[in-house]
Amino acid sequence: MSSELLNSPLHDAHLAARAKFAEFGGWNMPLSYGDGTIAEHHACRTGCAIFDVSHLGSLRVRGDEALSALQRTFTNDLERITPGKAQYSHLLNSGGGVMDDVIIWWVSNSCFEIMPNASNTTRVISALESVSGDLEIAQTTHDRAVIAVQGPNAREVLSSISVEASSVSRFCVEQIDFKDLPITVAGTGYTGEDGLEISVPVDHATELWSRLIESGATPAGLGARDTLRLEAGLPLHGNELNPEITPIEANLKWVVSMSKQKFLGREAIKNQLDNGISQKLYGLSTVGRRPPRSGQGIVSGDTEIGIITSGNFSPTLEHGIAIALLPATYSTGDHVFIEGRKGEIEATIVPMPFYKR
């Protein structure tokens, strides 16, 4: 493990729990714990799991120009929501490709918390500065930990620590006192389950993590987070979202507000909406436990027609599932073949998400 990797504020707690670590966006993060990814996956689907997602970026954006700058930078329309709400959005390049997907927490009238992917924080700062030089942008990634509390029992577990925090509604954001310090709680997550994400000052992160476990939460690594988000059909930046794939091709037209007259990449998106697309993402289902994997080719006869962007064994459905980039002419129910070292795997195109709570 490279000594240059960053450690989470919860690193010592993960070491004590004998976590297995892996590199995520320049961070040394827990992949799984003793019982393994599948057990952690089921804990989230049936009870409550907690995830350390402190490797994600955090930017605090303030100022009179903050709202207009965010509107000109990202695809979604913040005027659809109000202060105290959260919104998912995209940062595009000039060709409409996704440079990053973010969650924006509208904390108060002129204060926003933006959560980019781990390796994209500098990119998001540069994009914001390119549309407005009159912003106060603070990098707060290293001042806090972020704990995702997810699962059907997530609110019950959190209520034993803070009833107020457990009552934050879906896609709402509130600042709440914990140990006489403000924490930010959002009704967001990345598992397909109900739950919340908590931004807590570094000095109190380990205490909150421990108290959640004492209240019945199961620690889960980023391996389970990936199988959970895949079952829920949620895209991963670098896989389903990248500079070569647009929101329209990723079936995320709802993330793009064409009612706004200006945002980065708007002209390219308008061109696709006017003229159609040649490729898009599809869900694939396979028979048996053999997992499809990212990077495997999709073939028709001797011709490669597409590629798997994400694939794995589904612990909930107990068979292989995948997301693949294919020609836009395919339909639900069509059959394709996945290339593999042990021969081709037949797959059926199915609707996403693969799993709904």
Protein backbone atom coordinates (compact mmCIF):
# COMPACT_ATOMS: atom_id res chain seq x y z
CA MET A 1 0.00 0.00 0.00
CA SER A 2 1.47 3.34 -1.05
CA SER A 3 2.45 5.64 1.82
CA GLU A 4 1.13 8.53 -0.28
CA LEU A 5 -2.49 7.41 0.06
CA LEU A 6 -4.69 9.52 2.32
CA ASN A 7 -6.31 7.97 5.38
CA SER A 8 -9.84 8.60 6.61
CA PRO A 9 -10.36 10.19 10.03
CA LEU A 10 -11.86 6.78 10.93
CA HIS A 11 -8.78 4.84 9.86
CA ASP A 12 -7.86 3.64 13.36
CA ALA A 13 -11.39 2.34 13.89
CA HIS A 14 -11.15 0.38 10.64
CA LEU A 15 -7.78 -1.06 11.66
CA ALA A 16 -9.21 -2.16 15.00
CA ALA A 17 -12.02 -3.91 13.14
CA ARG A 18 -9.45 -5.71 10.93
CA ALA A 19 -10.74 -4.17 7.74
CA LYS A 20 -9.30 -5.08 4.37
CA PHE A 21 -8.21 -1.90 2.59
CA ALA A 22 -8.12 -0.79 -1.04
CA GLU A 23 -7.29 2.42 -2.90
CA PHE A 24 -10.25 4.64 -3.84
CA GLY A 25 -9.46 7.93 -5.58
CA GLY A 26 -6.15 8.36 -3.76
CA TRP A 27 -7.51 7.24 -0.37
CA ASN A 28 -6.81 4.10 1.65
CA MET A 29 -10.37 2.98 2.43
CA PRO A 30 -12.01 -0.14 3.92
CA LEU A 31 -13.09 -2.63 1.25
CA SER A 32 -14.68 -5.08 3.71
CA TYR A 33 -14.56 -6.33 7.28
CA GLY A 34 -14.42 -9.79 8.85
CA ASP A 35 -17.73 -11.21 7.65
CA GLY A 36 -17.13 -10.11 4.06
CA THR A 37 -18.88 -8.10 1.37
CA ILE A 38 -21.94 -10.33 0.90
CA ALA A 39 -22.78 -10.30 4.62
CA GLU A 40 -22.36 -6.52 4.71
CA HIS A 41 -24.56 -6.20 1.62
CA HIS A 42 -27.36 -8.22 3.28
CA ALA A 43 -26.99 -6.19 6.49
CA CYS A 44 -27.79 -3.05 4.52
CA ARG A 45 -30.75 -4.63 2.70
CA THR A 46 -32.29 -6.08 5.87
CA GLY A 47 -31.12 -3.88 8.76
CA CYS A 48 -28.65 -1.02 9.01
CA ALA A 49 -25.13 -0.65 7.63
CA ILE A 50 -22.74 2.25 8.03
CA PHE A 51 -20.16 3.27 5.44
CA ASP A 52 -17.18 5.57 5.76
CA VAL A 53 -17.33 7.78 2.67
CA SER A 54 -14.91 10.44 3.91
CA HIS A 55 -12.88 10.01 0.71
CA LEU A 56 -15.52 11.99 -1.17
CA GLY A 57 -14.71 15.65 -1.62
CA SER A 58 -16.39 18.50 0.25
CA LEU A 59 -16.55 22.09 -0.94
CA ARG A 60 -18.31 24.90 0.89
CA VAL A 61 -19.41 27.60 -1.54
CA ARG A 62 -20.66 30.92 -0.18
CA GLY A 63 -21.46 34.36 -1.49
CA ASP A 64 -24.12 36.43 -3.22
CA GLU A 65 -23.10 34.87 -6.55
CA ALA A 66 -23.11 31.27 -5.27
CA LEU A 67 -26.51 30.24 -6.61
CA SER A 68 -26.02 31.78 -10.06
CA ALA A 69 -22.51 30.30 -10.33
CA LEU A 70 -23.76 26.80 -9.52
CA GLN A 71 -26.60 27.22 -12.00
CA ARG A 72 -24.13 28.09 -14.78
CA THR A 73 -21.78 25.24 -13.84
CA PHE A 74 -23.98 22.18 -13.26
CA THR A 75 -26.77 20.61 -15.30
CA ASN A 76 -29.64 20.40 -12.85
CA ASP A 77 -31.78 23.36 -11.84
CA LEU A 78 -31.37 24.42 -8.22
CA GLU A 79 -34.48 26.58 -8.56
CA ARG A 80 -36.47 23.34 -8.51
CA ILE A 81 -35.55 23.06 -4.83
CA THR A 82 -35.10 25.43 -1.88
CA PRO A 83 -32.62 25.94 0.97
CA GLY A 84 -32.62 22.88 3.21
CA LYS A 85 -32.77 20.46 0.26
CA ALA A 86 -30.24 18.34 -1.66
CA GLN A 87 -29.92 17.79 -5.40
CA TYR A 88 -27.98 15.44 -7.69
CA SER A 89 -26.26 17.12 -10.66
CA HIS A 90 -23.56 16.76 -13.32
CA LEU A 91 -20.51 18.71 -14.46
CA LEU A 92 -20.03 18.34 -18.23
CA ASN A 93 -17.32 19.00 -20.77
CA SER A 94 -17.96 20.84 -24.04
CA GLY A 95 -18.96 17.57 -25.71
CA GLY A 96 -21.58 16.82 -23.06
CA GLY A 97 -19.51 14.07 -21.39
CA VAL A 98 -19.72 13.77 -17.63
CA MET A 99 -16.64 15.13 -15.89
CA ASP A 100 -18.17 14.49 -12.47
CA ASP A 101 -21.46 13.81 -10.74
CA VAL A 102 -22.08 15.59 -7.47
CA ILE A 103 -24.57 16.00 -4.66
CA ILE A 104 -25.28 19.63 -3.78
CA TRP A 105 -26.51 20.31 -0.25
CA TRP A 106 -28.24 23.72 -0.14
CA VAL A 107 -27.50 24.40 3.52
CA SER A 108 -28.76 28.00 3.77
CA ASN A 109 -29.65 30.92 1.49
CA SER A 110 -26.11 31.65 0.26
CA CYS A 111 -24.25 28.57 1.50
CA PHE A 112 -23.88 25.30 -0.40
CA GLU A 113 -21.95 22.09 0.33
CA ILE A 114 -20.85 20.27 -2.83
CA MET A 115 -19.71 16.66 -2.66
CA PRO A 116 -17.62 15.69 -5.72
CA ASN A 117 -16.06 12.28 -6.30
CA ALA A 118 -12.77 11.72 -4.49
CA SER A 119 -10.37 12.58 -7.31
CA ASN A 120 -12.42 15.39 -8.88
CA THR A 121 -12.46 18.11 -6.22
CA THR A 122 -9.88 20.31 -7.98
CA ARG A 123 -11.74 19.89 -11.26
CA VAL A 124 -14.98 21.13 -9.70
CA ILE A 125 -13.24 24.12 -8.09
CA SER A 126 -11.73 25.08 -11.46
CA ALA A 127 -15.13 24.84 -13.16
CA LEU A 128 -16.77 27.07 -10.56
CA GLU A 129 -13.97 29.63 -10.78
CA SER A 130 -14.29 29.67 -14.57
CA VAL A 131 -17.88 30.93 -14.38
CA SER A 132 -17.47 33.34 -11.44
CA GLY A 133 -14.46 34.86 -9.74
CA ASP A 134 -16.60 36.28 -6.94
CA LEU A 135 -17.07 33.15 -4.85
CA GLU A 136 -15.85 32.00 -1.47
CA ILE A 137 -14.84 28.37 -2.01
CA ALA A 138 -13.46 26.40 0.93
CA GLN A 139 -12.02 22.88 0.67
CA THR A 140 -13.42 21.18 3.78
CA THR A 141 -12.64 17.56 2.90
CA HIS A 142 -10.04 17.17 5.66
CA ASP A 143 -12.07 18.93 8.34
CA ARG A 144 -14.82 16.33 8.57
CA ALA A 145 -15.71 12.68 8.19
CA VAL A 146 -18.77 11.55 6.25
CA ILE A 147 -20.70 8.52 7.50
CA ALA A 148 -23.52 7.00 5.44
CA VAL A 149 -26.18 5.30 7.59
CA GLN A 150 -28.22 3.10 5.25
CA GLY A 151 -30.90 0.42 5.38
CA PRO A 152 -34.52 -0.15 6.45
CA ASN A 153 -33.51 0.25 10.11
CA ALA A 154 -31.19 3.23 9.54
CA ARG A 155 -33.46 5.83 11.13
CA GLU A 156 -34.24 3.61 14.10
CA VAL A 157 -30.54 3.07 14.78
CA LEU A 158 -29.71 6.77 14.42
CA SER A 159 -32.64 7.80 16.63
CA SER A 160 -30.94 6.26 19.66
CA ILE A 161 -28.21 8.89 19.20
CA SER A 162 -30.20 11.81 17.81
CA VAL A 163 -33.94 11.81 17.15
CA GLU A 164 -33.53 15.11 15.31
CA ALA A 165 -30.91 13.66 12.94
CA SER A 166 -32.97 10.53 12.28
CA SER A 167 -35.96 12.68 11.29
CA VAL A 168 -34.27 14.45 8.36
CA SER A 169 -36.41 13.64 5.33
CA ARG A 170 -35.34 12.24 1.98
CA PHE A 171 -33.27 14.79 0.03
CA CYS A 172 -33.49 17.32 2.85
CA VAL A 173 -30.48 18.84 4.66
CA GLU A 174 -30.30 20.09 8.24
CA GLN A 175 -27.59 21.31 10.59
CA ILE A 176 -27.97 19.66 13.99
CA ASP A 177 -25.97 19.82 17.23
CA PHE A 178 -24.03 16.71 18.24
CA LYS A 179 -21.89 16.98 21.39
CA ASP A 180 -22.43 20.76 21.16
CA LEU A 181 -20.94 20.79 17.67
CA PRO A 182 -22.83 21.26 14.41
CA ILE A 183 -23.17 18.25 12.13
CA THR A 184 -24.81 18.33 8.73
CA VAL A 185 -27.31 15.56 8.03
CA ALA A 186 -28.76 14.85 4.58
CA GLY A 187 -31.39 12.34 3.54
CA THR A 188 -29.20 10.99 0.76
CA GLY A 189 -27.34 7.75 0.00
CA TYR A 190 -26.01 5.40 -2.65
CA THR A 191 -27.44 1.98 -1.79
CA GLY A 192 -31.04 1.93 -2.97
CA GLU A 193 -32.21 1.92 0.65
CA ASP A 194 -33.55 4.64 2.92
CA GLY A 195 -30.88 6.37 4.95
CA LEU A 196 -28.87 9.46 5.73
CA GLU A 197 -25.38 10.85 5.27
CA ILE A 198 -23.73 12.70 8.14
CA SER A 199 -20.87 15.20 7.88
CA VAL A 200 -19.27 15.31 11.33
CA PRO A 201 -16.19 17.24 12.54
CA VAL A 202 -13.06 15.08 12.57
CA ASP A 203 -12.62 15.16 16.36
CA HIS A 204 -16.00 13.50 16.94
CA ALA A 205 -16.10 11.12 13.98
CA THR A 206 -14.83 8.04 15.79
CA GLU A 207 -17.25 8.55 18.68
CA LEU A 208 -20.23 8.79 16.30
CA TRP A 209 -19.04 5.73 14.36
CA SER A 210 -18.70 3.71 17.58
CA ARG A 211 -22.06 4.79 18.93
CA LEU A 212 -23.77 3.78 15.70
CA ILE A 213 -22.25 0.30 15.98
CA GLU A 214 -23.32 0.06 19.64
CA SER A 215 -26.85 0.98 18.52
CA GLY A 216 -27.00 -1.91 16.05
CA ALA A 217 -25.34 -0.75 12.82
CA THR A 218 -23.05 -3.08 10.87
CA PRO A 219 -19.82 -1.56 9.46
CA ALA A 220 -19.70 -2.10 5.71
CA GLY A 221 -16.90 -1.46 3.25
CA LEU A 222 -16.87 0.06 -0.19
CA GLY A 223 -17.14 -3.42 -1.74
CA ALA A 224 -20.68 -3.74 -0.43
CA ARG A 225 -21.40 -0.13 -1.34
CA ASP A 226 -20.56 -1.04 -4.94
CA THR A 227 -22.77 -4.16 -5.12
CA LEU A 228 -25.62 -2.25 -3.47
CA ARG A 229 -25.44 0.69 -5.88
CA LEU A 230 -25.20 -1.70 -8.85
CA GLU A 231 -28.37 -3.55 -7.80
CA ALA A 232 -30.06 -0.14 -7.47
CA GLY A 233 -28.92 0.79 -11.00
CA LEU A 234 -26.97 3.80 -9.72
CA PRO A 235 -24.10 5.02 -11.92
CA LEU A 236 -20.47 5.17 -10.83
CA HIS A 237 -18.24 7.94 -12.13
CA GLY A 238 -15.43 6.40 -14.17
CA ASN A 239 -17.71 3.53 -15.21
CA GLU A 240 -21.21 4.57 -16.28
CA LEU A 241 -20.31 8.26 -16.22
CA ASN A 242 -17.16 9.53 -17.88
CA PRO A 243 -16.05 12.20 -20.37
CA GLU A 244 -17.19 9.98 -23.26
CA ILE A 245 -20.72 9.28 -21.94
CA THR A 246 -23.37 11.98 -21.67
CA PRO A 247 -26.29 12.13 -19.19
CA ILE A 248 -28.67 11.35 -22.07
CA GLU A 249 -26.73 8.19 -22.98
CA ALA A 250 -26.70 7.27 -19.27
CA ASN A 251 -30.53 7.46 -19.08
CA LEU A 252 -30.26 10.49 -16.82
CA LYS A 253 -32.09 13.11 -18.86
CA TRP A 254 -33.84 14.23 -15.66
CA VAL A 255 -30.49 15.52 -14.34
CA VAL A 256 -30.34 18.06 -17.18
CA SER A 257 -32.53 21.16 -17.10
CA MET A 258 -32.77 22.61 -20.59
CA SER A 259 -34.93 25.42 -19.20
CA LYS A 260 -31.66 27.00 -18.09
CA GLN A 261 -30.16 29.01 -20.92
CA LYS A 262 -26.56 28.40 -19.88
CA PHE A 263 -24.55 25.61 -18.26
CA LEU A 264 -21.33 23.86 -19.25
CA GLY A 265 -21.98 21.41 -22.13
CA ARG A 266 -25.50 22.64 -22.89
CA GLU A 267 -25.09 22.86 -26.67
CA ALA A 268 -23.86 19.27 -26.95
CA ILE A 269 -26.81 18.03 -24.89
CA LYS A 270 -29.25 20.03 -27.00
CA ASN A 271 -27.79 18.43 -30.12
CA GLN A 272 -28.38 14.95 -28.71
CA LEU A 273 -31.92 15.78 -27.66
CA ASP A 274 -32.65 17.19 -31.12
CA ASN A 275 -30.95 14.48 -33.18
CA GLY A 276 -30.96 11.37 -31.02
CA ILE A 277 -28.14 9.19 -29.64
CA SER A 278 -26.28 6.22 -31.09
CA GLN A 279 -25.39 4.51 -27.80
CA LYS A 280 -26.87 4.17 -24.31
CA LEU A 281 -26.60 2.21 -21.08
CA TYR A 282 -28.64 -0.96 -20.57
CA GLY A 283 -29.15 -3.39 -17.71
CA LEU A 284 -28.09 -7.00 -18.26
CA SER A 285 -29.11 -10.12 -16.35
CA THR A 286 -27.27 -13.45 -16.55
CA VAL A 287 -28.11 -16.94 -15.31
CA GLY A 288 -25.98 -18.41 -12.53
CA ARG A 289 -23.42 -17.05 -10.09
CA ARG A 290 -20.67 -16.30 -12.61
CA PRO A 291 -20.25 -12.52 -12.39
CA PRO A 292 -19.94 -10.24 -15.40
CA ARG A 293 -17.05 -7.79 -14.97
CA SER A 294 -16.30 -4.22 -15.99
CA GLY A 295 -14.41 -4.07 -19.27
CA GLN A 296 -15.75 -7.30 -20.78
CA GLY A 297 -16.87 -6.94 -24.37
CA ILE A 298 -20.41 -7.51 -25.65
CA VAL A 299 -20.47 -9.39 -28.96
CA SER A 300 -22.88 -10.20 -31.74
CA GLY A 301 -21.41 -12.98 -33.85
CA ASP A 302 -17.76 -12.06 -34.34
CA THR A 303 -18.33 -8.35 -33.84
CA GLU A 304 -17.87 -6.48 -30.57
CA ILE A 305 -20.85 -4.15 -30.19
CA GLY A 306 -20.39 -2.79 -26.69
CA ILE A 307 -18.74 -3.06 -23.30
CA ILE A 308 -19.71 -3.73 -19.70
CA THR A 309 -19.26 -0.63 -17.57
CA SER A 310 -20.06 -2.39 -14.25
CA GLY A 311 -20.85 -5.99 -13.41
CA ASN A 312 -20.97 -8.34 -10.46
CA PHE A 313 -22.83 -11.12 -8.71
CA SER A 314 -26.02 -9.79 -7.11
CA PRO A 315 -26.21 -10.99 -3.48
CA THR A 316 -29.93 -10.12 -3.34
CA LEU A 317 -30.99 -11.66 -6.66
CA GLU A 318 -28.36 -14.45 -6.57
CA HIS A 319 -27.29 -14.16 -10.21
CA GLY A 320 -25.08 -11.96 -12.35
CA ILE A 321 -26.06 -8.40 -13.26
CA ALA A 322 -24.32 -5.74 -15.29
CA ILE A 323 -24.66 -2.33 -16.88
CA ALA A 324 -23.43 -2.16 -20.47
CA LEU A 325 -22.92 0.51 -23.12
CA LEU A 326 -24.60 -0.71 -26.32
CA PRO A 327 -26.06 0.65 -29.56
CA ALA A 328 -29.28 2.55 -28.82
CA THR A 329 -31.24 0.20 -31.12
CA TYR A 330 -31.52 -2.56 -28.49
CA SER A 331 -34.66 -3.18 -26.40
CA THR A 332 -35.70 -4.89 -23.19
CA GLY A 333 -35.83 -8.65 -23.68
CA ASP A 334 -33.10 -8.77 -26.34
CA HIS A 335 -30.26 -11.26 -25.84
CA VAL A 336 -26.55 -10.47 -26.16
CA PHE A 337 -23.34 -12.33 -25.33
CA ILE A 338 -20.58 -11.32 -22.95
CA GLU A 339 -17.00 -12.28 -23.82
CA GLY A 340 -15.19 -14.31 -21.18
CA ARG A 341 -12.08 -16.44 -20.70
CA LYS A 342 -14.27 -19.46 -20.02
CA GLY A 343 -16.52 -18.84 -23.02
CA GLU A 344 -19.34 -16.47 -23.77
CA ILE A 345 -22.11 -15.73 -21.27
CA GLU A 346 -25.62 -15.14 -22.55
CA ALA A 347 -27.31 -12.09 -21.08
CA THR A 348 -30.79 -10.62 -21.33
CA ILE A 349 -31.46 -6.89 -21.46
CA VAL A 350 -33.64 -5.97 -18.47
CA PRO A 351 -35.01 -2.73 -16.98
CA MET A 352 -33.07 -0.94 -14.26
CA PRO A 353 -32.94 -0.77 -11.32
CA PHE A 354 -32.38 -4.47 -10.83
CA TYR A 355 -33.60 -4.14 -7.23
CA LYS A 356 -36.23 -1.87 -5.65
CA ARG A 357 -36.91 -1.62 -1.93
